C-alpha atoms as a PDB file:
ATOM      1  CA  MET A   1     -10.355  -5.289 -20.805  1.00  0.00           C
ATOM      2  CA  SER A   2     -12.127  -1.981 -21.238  1.00  0.00           C
ATOM      3  CA  GLY A   3     -10.602  -0.344 -18.161  1.00  0.00           C
ATOM      4  CA  PRO A   4      -9.984  -0.865 -14.464  1.00  0.00           C
ATOM      5  CA  ARG A   5     -12.907  -2.267 -12.543  1.00  0.00           C
ATOM      6  CA  GLY A   6     -12.140  -0.245  -9.454  1.00  0.00           C
ATOM      7  CA  TRP A   7      -9.687  -0.560  -6.491  1.00  0.00           C
ATOM      8  CA  ALA A   8      -8.914  -3.546  -4.300  1.00  0.00           C
ATOM      9  CA  LEU A   9      -7.020  -3.452  -1.007  1.00  0.00           C
ATOM     10  CA  VAL A  10      -5.100  -6.647  -0.311  1.00  0.00           C
ATOM     11  CA  THR A  11      -3.525  -7.135   3.100  1.00  0.00           C
ATOM     12  CA  GLY A  12      -0.730  -9.648   3.688  1.00  0.00           C
ATOM     13  CA  ALA A  13       0.299  -9.197   0.024  1.00  0.00           C
ATOM     14  CA  SER A  14       4.017  -9.547   0.648  1.00  0.00           C
ATOM     15  CA  SER A  15       3.967 -13.376   0.128  1.00  0.00           C
ATOM     16  CA  GLY A  16       1.988 -16.521  -0.051  1.00  0.00           C
ATOM     17  CA  ILE A  17      -1.758 -16.575  -0.642  1.00  0.00           C
ATOM     18  CA  GLY A  18      -2.014 -12.823  -0.341  1.00  0.00           C
ATOM     19  CA  ARG A  19       0.520 -12.237  -3.073  1.00  0.00           C
ATOM     20  CA  GLU A  20      -1.367 -14.686  -5.328  1.00  0.00           C
ATOM     21  CA  LEU A  21      -4.687 -13.039  -4.514  1.00  0.00           C
ATOM     22  CA  ALA A  22      -3.215  -9.718  -5.520  1.00  0.00           C
ATOM     23  CA  ARG A  23      -2.163 -11.235  -8.865  1.00  0.00           C
ATOM     24  CA  CYS A  24      -5.685 -12.588  -9.363  1.00  0.00           C
ATOM     25  CA  ALA A  25      -7.225  -9.182  -8.679  1.00  0.00           C
ATOM     26  CA  GLY A  26      -4.863  -7.491 -11.042  1.00  0.00           C
ATOM     27  CA  ALA A  27      -5.412 -10.012 -13.796  1.00  0.00           C
ATOM     28  CA  ASP A  28      -9.199  -9.394 -13.330  1.00  0.00           C
ATOM     29  CA  GLY A  29      -8.712  -5.684 -13.955  1.00  0.00           C
ATOM     30  CA  TYR A  30      -8.566  -4.210 -10.441  1.00  0.00           C
ATOM     31  CA  ASN A  31      -6.239  -1.431  -9.413  1.00  0.00           C
ATOM     32  CA  LEU A  32      -4.464  -2.444  -6.262  1.00  0.00           C
ATOM     33  CA  ILE A  33      -3.328  -1.171  -2.878  1.00  0.00           C
ATOM     34  CA  LEU A  34      -0.883  -3.702  -1.651  1.00  0.00           C
ATOM     35  CA  SER A  35      -0.306  -3.965   2.104  1.00  0.00           C
ATOM     36  CA  GLY A  36       2.096  -6.083   4.198  1.00  0.00           C
ATOM     37  CA  ARG A  37       5.214  -5.699   6.312  1.00  0.00           C
ATOM     38  CA  ASN A  38       7.816  -6.336   3.645  1.00  0.00           C
ATOM     39  CA  THR A  39       8.175  -2.998   1.792  1.00  0.00           C
ATOM     40  CA  ALA A  40      10.603  -4.308  -0.800  1.00  0.00           C
ATOM     41  CA  ALA A  41       8.400  -7.267  -1.664  1.00  0.00           C
ATOM     42  CA  LEU A  42       5.371  -5.065  -2.035  1.00  0.00           C
ATOM     43  CA  GLU A  43       7.275  -2.659  -4.346  1.00  0.00           C
ATOM     44  CA  ASP A  44       8.408  -5.631  -6.510  1.00  0.00           C
ATOM     45  CA  LEU A  45       4.913  -7.013  -6.665  1.00  0.00           C
ATOM     46  CA  ALA A  46       3.458  -3.685  -7.637  1.00  0.00           C
ATOM     47  CA  ARG A  47       5.927  -3.381 -10.506  1.00  0.00           C
ATOM     48  CA  GLU A  48       5.217  -6.969 -11.648  1.00  0.00           C
ATOM     49  CA  ILE A  49       1.465  -6.635 -11.607  1.00  0.00           C
ATOM     50  CA  GLY A  50       1.460  -3.173 -13.191  1.00  0.00           C
ATOM     51  CA  ALA A  51       3.555  -4.521 -16.104  1.00  0.00           C
ATOM     52  CA  ALA A  52       1.610  -7.771 -16.485  1.00  0.00           C
ATOM     53  CA  SER A  53      -1.963  -6.450 -16.169  1.00  0.00           C
ATOM     54  CA  GLY A  54      -1.763  -2.757 -16.967  1.00  0.00           C
ATOM     55  CA  VAL A  55      -3.431  -1.673 -13.698  1.00  0.00           C
ATOM     56  CA  ASN A  56      -2.182   0.761 -11.059  1.00  0.00           C
ATOM     57  CA  ALA A  57      -0.550  -1.147  -8.165  1.00  0.00           C
ATOM     58  CA  ARG A  58       0.570   0.873  -5.162  1.00  0.00           C
ATOM     59  CA  PRO A  59       2.420  -0.366  -2.066  1.00  0.00           C
ATOM     60  CA  CYS A  60       1.109   0.606   1.307  1.00  0.00           C
ATOM     61  CA  PRO A  61       3.215  -1.067   3.989  1.00  0.00           C
ATOM     62  CA  ALA A  62       1.639  -1.715   7.494  1.00  0.00           C
ATOM     63  CA  ASP A  63       2.248  -3.847  10.595  1.00  0.00           C
ATOM     64  CA  LEU A  64      -1.332  -4.797  11.617  1.00  0.00           C
ATOM     65  CA  SER A  65      -0.168  -6.134  15.011  1.00  0.00           C
ATOM     66  CA  GLN A  66       0.268  -2.556  16.128  1.00  0.00           C
ATOM     67  CA  PRO A  67      -2.509  -0.576  17.883  1.00  0.00           C
ATOM     68  CA  GLY A  68      -4.465   1.646  15.489  1.00  0.00           C
ATOM     69  CA  ALA A  69      -2.732   0.120  12.371  1.00  0.00           C
ATOM     70  CA  ALA A  70      -5.925  -0.976  10.668  1.00  0.00           C
ATOM     71  CA  HIS A  71      -7.480   2.492  10.839  1.00  0.00           C
ATOM     72  CA  ASP A  72      -4.253   4.040   9.634  1.00  0.00           C
ATOM     73  CA  LEU A  73      -3.978   1.515   6.752  1.00  0.00           C
ATOM     74  CA  TRP A  74      -7.543   2.299   5.606  1.00  0.00           C
ATOM     75  CA  THR A  75      -6.911   6.012   5.724  1.00  0.00           C
ATOM     76  CA  ARG A  76      -3.704   5.710   3.745  1.00  0.00           C
ATOM     77  CA  ALA A  77      -5.323   3.294   1.295  1.00  0.00           C
ATOM     78  CA  GLN A  78      -8.137   5.743   0.553  1.00  0.00           C
ATOM     79  CA  ALA A  79      -5.631   8.477  -0.067  1.00  0.00           C
ATOM     80  CA  LEU A  80      -3.633   6.310  -2.514  1.00  0.00           C
ATOM     81  CA  ALA A  81      -6.706   5.088  -4.450  1.00  0.00           C
ATOM     82  CA  ASP A  82      -8.109   7.295  -7.219  1.00  0.00           C
ATOM     83  CA  GLY A  83     -11.623   6.326  -6.292  1.00  0.00           C
ATOM     84  CA  PRO A  84     -13.507   4.047  -3.824  1.00  0.00           C
ATOM     85  CA  ILE A  85     -12.264   0.703  -2.653  1.00  0.00           C
ATOM     86  CA  HIS A  86     -14.576  -1.881  -4.206  1.00  0.00           C
ATOM     87  CA  VAL A  87     -12.817  -4.983  -2.859  1.00  0.00           C
ATOM     88  CA  LEU A  88     -11.190  -5.762   0.483  1.00  0.00           C
ATOM     89  CA  VAL A  89      -9.034  -8.814   0.585  1.00  0.00           C
ATOM     90  CA  ASN A  90      -8.618  -9.411   4.394  1.00  0.00           C
ATOM     91  CA  ASN A  91      -5.727 -11.871   4.106  1.00  0.00           C
ATOM     92  CA  ALA A  92      -3.075 -10.846   6.694  1.00  0.00           C
ATOM     93  CA  GLY A  93      -2.736 -13.438   9.391  1.00  0.00           C
ATOM     94  CA  LEU A  94      -0.363 -14.834  11.990  1.00  0.00           C
ATOM     95  CA  GLY A  95      -0.061 -18.215  13.698  1.00  0.00           C
ATOM     96  CA  SER A  96       1.910 -19.459  16.696  1.00  0.00           C
ATOM     97  CA  HIS A  97       2.641 -23.141  17.608  1.00  0.00           C
ATOM     98  CA  GLY A  98       2.858 -24.372  21.189  1.00  0.00           C
ATOM     99  CA  GLN A  99       0.653 -25.350  24.069  1.00  0.00           C
ATOM    100  CA  PHE A 100      -1.407 -22.512  25.408  1.00  0.00           C
ATOM    101  CA  ALA A 101      -0.975 -23.730  29.014  1.00  0.00           C
ATOM    102  CA  SER A 102       2.788 -23.653  28.685  1.00  0.00           C
ATOM    103  CA  THR A 103       3.066 -20.225  27.039  1.00  0.00           C
ATOM    104  CA  PRO A 104       4.319 -17.518  29.436  1.00  0.00           C
ATOM    105  CA  ALA A 105       1.809 -14.820  30.099  1.00  0.00           C
ATOM    106  CA  GLY A 106       4.343 -12.212  28.820  1.00  0.00           C
ATOM    107  CA  ASP A 107       4.911 -13.920  25.476  1.00  0.00           C
ATOM    108  CA  ALA A 108       3.809 -11.449  22.774  1.00  0.00           C
ATOM    109  CA  ARG A 109       3.323 -13.946  19.965  1.00  0.00           C
ATOM    110  CA  GLU A 110      -0.228 -14.888  20.717  1.00  0.00           C
ATOM    111  CA  ASP A 111      -1.183 -11.331  21.433  1.00  0.00           C
ATOM    112  CA  GLU A 112       0.012 -10.473  17.880  1.00  0.00           C
ATOM    113  CA  VAL A 113      -2.104 -13.364  16.492  1.00  0.00           C
ATOM    114  CA  ILE A 114      -5.150 -11.887  18.103  1.00  0.00           C
ATOM    115  CA  ALA A 115      -4.233  -8.334  17.116  1.00  0.00           C
ATOM    116  CA  VAL A 116      -3.820  -9.303  13.416  1.00  0.00           C
ATOM    117  CA  ASN A 117      -6.385 -12.201  12.968  1.00  0.00           C
ATOM    118  CA  ILE A 118      -9.185 -10.625  15.040  1.00  0.00           C
ATOM    119  CA  THR A 119      -8.762  -6.937  15.897  1.00  0.00           C
ATOM    120  CA  ALA A 120      -7.284  -5.593  12.672  1.00  0.00           C
ATOM    121  CA  ALA A 121      -9.293  -7.914  10.400  1.00  0.00           C
ATOM    122  CA  THR A 122     -12.577  -6.827  12.140  1.00  0.00           C
ATOM    123  CA  GLN A 123     -11.701  -3.126  11.933  1.00  0.00           C
ATOM    124  CA  LEU A 124     -10.787  -3.305   8.234  1.00  0.00           C
ATOM    125  CA  MET A 125     -14.031  -5.158   7.550  1.00  0.00           C
ATOM    126  CA  ARG A 126     -16.026  -2.417   9.324  1.00  0.00           C
ATOM    127  CA  HIS A 127     -14.232   0.405   7.477  1.00  0.00           C
ATOM    128  CA  ALA A 128     -14.870  -1.439   4.125  1.00  0.00           C
ATOM    129  CA  ILE A 129     -18.616  -1.884   4.839  1.00  0.00           C
ATOM    130  CA  GLU A 130     -18.957   1.628   5.939  1.00  0.00           C
ATOM    131  CA  GLU A 131     -17.607   2.837   2.523  1.00  0.00           C
ATOM    132  CA  MET A 132     -19.543   0.225   0.518  1.00  0.00           C
ATOM    133  CA  ARG A 133     -23.021   0.689   2.090  1.00  0.00           C
ATOM    134  CA  PRO A 134     -23.773   4.099   0.481  1.00  0.00           C
ATOM    135  CA  ARG A 135     -23.033   2.513  -2.916  1.00  0.00           C
ATOM    136  CA  GLY A 136     -24.909  -0.646  -2.046  1.00  0.00           C
ATOM    137  CA  ALA A 137     -22.185  -2.792  -3.529  1.00  0.00           C
ATOM    138  CA  GLY A 138     -18.723  -4.248  -2.807  1.00  0.00           C
ATOM    139  CA  ARG A 139     -16.919  -7.522  -2.052  1.00  0.00           C
ATOM    140  CA  ILE A 140     -14.976  -8.643   0.918  1.00  0.00           C
ATOM    141  CA  LEU A 141     -12.782 -11.721   0.937  1.00  0.00           C
ATOM    142  CA  ASN A 142     -11.852 -12.883   4.375  1.00  0.00           C
ATOM    143  CA  VAL A 143      -9.057 -15.474   4.480  1.00  0.00           C
ATOM    144  CA  ALA A 144     -10.080 -17.739   7.346  1.00  0.00           C
ATOM    145  CA  SER A 145      -8.886 -21.377   7.423  1.00  0.00           C
ATOM    146  CA  ALA A 146      -9.994 -25.025   7.555  1.00  0.00           C
ATOM    147  CA  ALA A 147      -8.735 -24.597  11.200  1.00  0.00           C
ATOM    148  CA  ALA A 148     -11.904 -22.473  11.774  1.00  0.00           C
ATOM    149  CA  PHE A 149     -14.045 -25.624  11.902  1.00  0.00           C
ATOM    150  CA  MET A 150     -12.315 -27.289  14.874  1.00  0.00           C
ATOM    151  CA  PRO A 151     -10.412 -26.657  18.135  1.00  0.00           C
ATOM    152  CA  GLY A 152      -6.710 -26.913  17.613  1.00  0.00           C
ATOM    153  CA  PRO A 153      -4.557 -28.024  20.606  1.00  0.00           C
ATOM    154  CA  ASN A 154      -0.951 -26.843  20.116  1.00  0.00           C
ATOM    155  CA  MET A 155      -2.387 -23.958  18.055  1.00  0.00           C
ATOM    156  CA  ALA A 156      -5.252 -23.090  20.224  1.00  0.00           C
ATOM    157  CA  VAL A 157      -5.272 -19.247  19.707  1.00  0.00           C
ATOM    158  CA  TYR A 158      -4.844 -19.572  15.972  1.00  0.00           C
ATOM    159  CA  HIS A 159      -7.770 -21.978  15.554  1.00  0.00           C
ATOM    160  CA  ALA A 160      -9.907 -19.819  17.791  1.00  0.00           C
ATOM    161  CA  SER A 161      -9.071 -16.649  15.859  1.00  0.00           C
ATOM    162  CA  LYS A 162     -10.061 -18.290  12.588  1.00  0.00           C
ATOM    163  CA  ALA A 163     -13.298 -19.714  14.106  1.00  0.00           C
ATOM    164  CA  TYR A 164     -14.104 -16.141  15.118  1.00  0.00           C
ATOM    165  CA  PHE A 165     -13.379 -14.844  11.607  1.00  0.00           C
ATOM    166  CA  LEU A 166     -15.521 -17.477   9.942  1.00  0.00           C
ATOM    167  CA  SER A 167     -18.433 -16.856  12.320  1.00  0.00           C
ATOM    168  CA  LEU A 168     -18.066 -13.070  11.876  1.00  0.00           C
ATOM    169  CA  SER A 169     -18.053 -13.496   8.019  1.00  0.00           C
ATOM    170  CA  GLU A 170     -21.199 -15.643   7.952  1.00  0.00           C
ATOM    171  CA  ALA A 171     -23.069 -13.428  10.368  1.00  0.00           C
ATOM    172  CA  VAL A 172     -22.387 -10.194   8.593  1.00  0.00           C
ATOM    173  CA  ALA A 173     -22.959 -11.738   5.168  1.00  0.00           C
ATOM    174  CA  SER A 174     -26.517 -12.613   6.459  1.00  0.00           C
ATOM    175  CA  GLU A 175     -26.985  -9.019   7.767  1.00  0.00           C
ATOM    176  CA  LEU A 176     -26.132  -7.679   4.315  1.00  0.00           C
ATOM    177  CA  SER A 177     -28.049 -10.281   2.282  1.00  0.00           C
ATOM    178  CA  ASN A 178     -30.526  -7.582   1.036  1.00  0.00           C
ATOM    179  CA  THR A 179     -27.589  -5.565  -0.533  1.00  0.00           C
ATOM    180  CA  ASN A 180     -25.009  -6.185  -3.247  1.00  0.00           C
ATOM    181  CA  ILE A 181     -22.223  -6.345  -0.660  1.00  0.00           C
ATOM    182  CA  THR A 182     -20.925  -9.893  -0.468  1.00  0.00           C
ATOM    183  CA  ILE A 183     -18.616 -11.472   2.172  1.00  0.00           C
ATOM    184  CA  THR A 184     -16.741 -14.641   1.373  1.00  0.00           C
ATOM    185  CA  ALA A 185     -14.749 -16.676   3.877  1.00  0.00           C
ATOM    186  CA  LEU A 186     -11.959 -18.552   2.183  1.00  0.00           C
ATOM    187  CA  CYS A 187     -10.979 -21.642   4.212  1.00  0.00           C
ATOM    188  CA  PRO A 188      -7.831 -23.359   2.874  1.00  0.00           C
ATOM    189  CA  GLY A 189      -5.954 -26.144   4.657  1.00  0.00           C
ATOM    190  CA  ALA A 190      -2.191 -26.307   4.897  1.00  0.00           C
ATOM    191  CA  THR A 191      -0.701 -24.548   1.880  1.00  0.00           C
ATOM    192  CA  ARG A 192       2.782 -24.362   0.541  1.00  0.00           C
ATOM    193  CA  THR A 193       3.693 -20.904   1.981  1.00  0.00           C
ATOM    194  CA  ALA A 194       6.186 -19.433   4.515  1.00  0.00           C
ATOM    195  CA  PHE A 195       3.294 -19.052   7.020  1.00  0.00           C
ATOM    196  CA  PHE A 196       3.923 -22.403   8.643  1.00  0.00           C
ATOM    197  CA  GLU A 197       7.601 -21.761   9.010  1.00  0.00           C
ATOM    198  CA  ARG A 198       6.918 -18.494  10.822  1.00  0.00           C
ATOM    199  CA  ALA A 199       4.353 -20.350  12.980  1.00  0.00           C
ATOM    200  CA  GLN A 200       7.011 -22.999  13.716  1.00  0.00           C
ATOM    201  CA  THR A 201       4.840 -25.902  12.543  1.00  0.00           C
ATOM    202  CA  GLY A 202       7.269 -27.406  10.034  1.00  0.00           C
ATOM    203  CA  THR A 203       7.918 -30.563  12.021  1.00  0.00           C
ATOM    204  CA  THR A 204       4.343 -31.355  12.929  1.00  0.00           C
ATOM    205  CA  TRP A 205       2.519 -34.438  11.646  1.00  0.00           C
ATOM    206  CA  LEU A 206       0.132 -32.078   9.736  1.00  0.00           C
ATOM    207  CA  MET A 207       3.047 -30.788   7.634  1.00  0.00           C
ATOM    208  CA  LYS A 208       4.367 -34.297   7.053  1.00  0.00           C
ATOM    209  CA  LEU A 209       1.066 -35.920   6.042  1.00  0.00           C
ATOM    210  CA  ALA A 210      -1.282 -33.325   4.661  1.00  0.00           C
ATOM    211  CA  PRO A 211      -1.429 -32.695   0.855  1.00  0.00           C
ATOM    212  CA  MET A 212       0.029 -29.251   0.206  1.00  0.00           C
ATOM    213  CA  PRO A 213      -1.528 -27.239  -2.580  1.00  0.00           C
ATOM    214  CA  THR A 214       0.188 -24.213  -3.936  1.00  0.00           C
ATOM    215  CA  ALA A 215      -0.740 -20.707  -2.853  1.00  0.00           C
ATOM    216  CA  GLN A 216      -1.602 -19.978  -6.508  1.00  0.00           C
ATOM    217  CA  SER A 217      -4.249 -22.702  -6.682  1.00  0.00           C
ATOM    218  CA  VAL A 218      -5.749 -21.681  -3.386  1.00  0.00           C
ATOM    219  CA  ALA A 219      -5.910 -18.005  -4.397  1.00  0.00           C
ATOM    220  CA  ARG A 220      -7.537 -18.738  -7.681  1.00  0.00           C
ATOM    221  CA  THR A 221     -10.217 -20.757  -5.911  1.00  0.00           C
ATOM    222  CA  GLY A 222     -10.776 -18.076  -3.326  1.00  0.00           C
ATOM    223  CA  TRP A 223     -10.938 -15.273  -5.816  1.00  0.00           C
ATOM    224  CA  LYS A 224     -13.461 -17.146  -7.915  1.00  0.00           C
ATOM    225  CA  GLY A 225     -15.600 -17.734  -4.917  1.00  0.00           C
ATOM    226  CA  CYS A 226     -15.350 -14.047  -3.975  1.00  0.00           C
ATOM    227  CA  MET A 227     -16.422 -12.903  -7.379  1.00  0.00           C
ATOM    228  CA  LYS A 228     -19.315 -15.251  -7.357  1.00  0.00           C
ATOM    229  CA  GLY A 229     -20.354 -13.975  -3.929  1.00  0.00           C
ATOM    230  CA  ARG A 230     -20.083 -17.340  -2.145  1.00  0.00           C
ATOM    231  CA  ARG A 231     -20.231 -17.157   1.594  1.00  0.00           C
ATOM    232  CA  ILE A 232     -17.751 -19.968   2.250  1.00  0.00           C
ATOM    233  CA  THR A 233     -15.176 -21.464   0.020  1.00  0.00           C
ATOM    234  CA  VAL A 234     -13.206 -24.485   1.303  1.00  0.00           C
ATOM    235  CA  THR A 235     -10.399 -25.513  -0.964  1.00  0.00           C
ATOM    236  CA  GLY A 236      -9.647 -29.147  -1.869  1.00  0.00           C
ATOM    237  CA  LEU A 237     -11.707 -32.274  -1.435  1.00  0.00           C
ATOM    238  CA  ASP A 238      -9.524 -33.443   1.558  1.00  0.00           C
ATOM    239  CA  ASN A 239     -10.302 -30.208   3.378  1.00  0.00           C
ATOM    240  CA  LYS A 240     -14.051 -30.420   2.550  1.00  0.00           C
ATOM    241  CA  ILE A 241     -14.092 -33.861   4.194  1.00  0.00           C
ATOM    242  CA  PHE A 242     -11.958 -32.695   7.095  1.00  0.00           C
ATOM    243  CA  THR A 243     -14.155 -29.661   7.816  1.00  0.00           C
ATOM    244  CA  PHE A 244     -17.265 -31.690   7.639  1.00  0.00           C
ATOM    245  CA  MET A 245     -15.950 -34.218  10.166  1.00  0.00           C
ATOM    246  CA  PRO A 246     -16.669 -32.020  13.277  1.00  0.00           C
ATOM    247  CA  ARG A 247     -20.403 -32.055  12.422  1.00  0.00           C
ATOM    248  CA  LEU A 248     -20.447 -35.861  12.936  1.00  0.00           C
ATOM    249  CA  ALA A 249     -17.804 -36.764  15.522  1.00  0.00           C
ATOM    250  CA  PRO A 250     -17.785 -35.875  19.181  1.00  0.00           C
ATOM    251  CA  ARG A 251     -16.012 -32.614  19.890  1.00  0.00           C
ATOM    252  CA  ALA A 252     -13.530 -34.226  22.296  1.00  0.00           C
ATOM    253  CA  LEU A 253     -12.515 -36.668  19.536  1.00  0.00           C
ATOM    254  CA  VAL A 254     -12.116 -33.919  16.986  1.00  0.00           C
ATOM    255  CA  SER A 255      -9.973 -31.866  19.424  1.00  0.00           C
ATOM    256  CA  ALA A 256      -7.729 -34.903  20.216  1.00  0.00           C
ATOM    257  CA  LEU A 257      -7.280 -35.774  16.556  1.00  0.00           C
ATOM    258  CA  THR A 258      -6.483 -32.220  15.578  1.00  0.00           C
ATOM    259  CA  GLY A 259      -4.030 -31.946  18.496  1.00  0.00           C
ATOM    260  CA  TRP A 260      -2.202 -35.132  17.224  1.00  0.00           C
ATOM    261  CA  PHE A 261      -1.804 -33.561  13.749  1.00  0.00           C
ATOM    262  CA  LEU A 262      -0.378 -30.423  15.338  1.00  0.00           C
ATOM    263  CA  ARG A 263       2.154 -32.354  17.551  1.00  0.00           C
ATOM    264  CA  ARG A 264       5.860 -32.368  16.709  1.00  0.00           C
ATOM    265  CA  ALA A 265       6.611 -35.529  14.641  1.00  0.00           C
ATOM    266  CA  GLY A 266       9.422 -37.259  16.587  1.00  0.00           C
END
């Protein structure tokens, strides 16, 4: 490695796929701004990647569910980086399990899902493009989900938020097709991370029946797709089949089947 390739901002880097994507970026020679809510985990990861890859890795904690958090994070990330941010890994995400119609209007969980998965992710993407356009180059990796391809009864807001993120990624990638700014939507299925425990989906049929790849394997596939400038990267043959199904089957059937997978198992 001749020297750092530039700076990458990774959100949701405290654990799971985000942590593994940060490791991929560090191994590929990028200096890192690591963001998430767990400050201690970010500091440990920064030390680990710095020692393993010889790059600068700097923690920048943020709670993206809070108003104005995305703008604040971008401003602090720019101050921490010794140069422009060349890669945005838009990974932070939340999920919530339960029927939308049975969720009290004052329940904040779904509001937080929207704030992180839609509002903050969109704002960070806009900030990144605004910085990348004068250079005419940059990469954005948006971590969507296989859930983006179908309605999700029992996780309706989460599925809808990922459908939004996938659609936005594809549309903006098309708008920027005459530049060297690439946008990749990574669409993994259920993965062995703490995400599903926080979303309270641990006892669903999906978690009992679906193959569970590691966060490391998903991150490696996603990072490779991002570096190649692919617009969509779906991980795993089973997920490729599962995400193709909505193109062939009636929407009502797809919705009912997905809802069954997201039901509590017993």
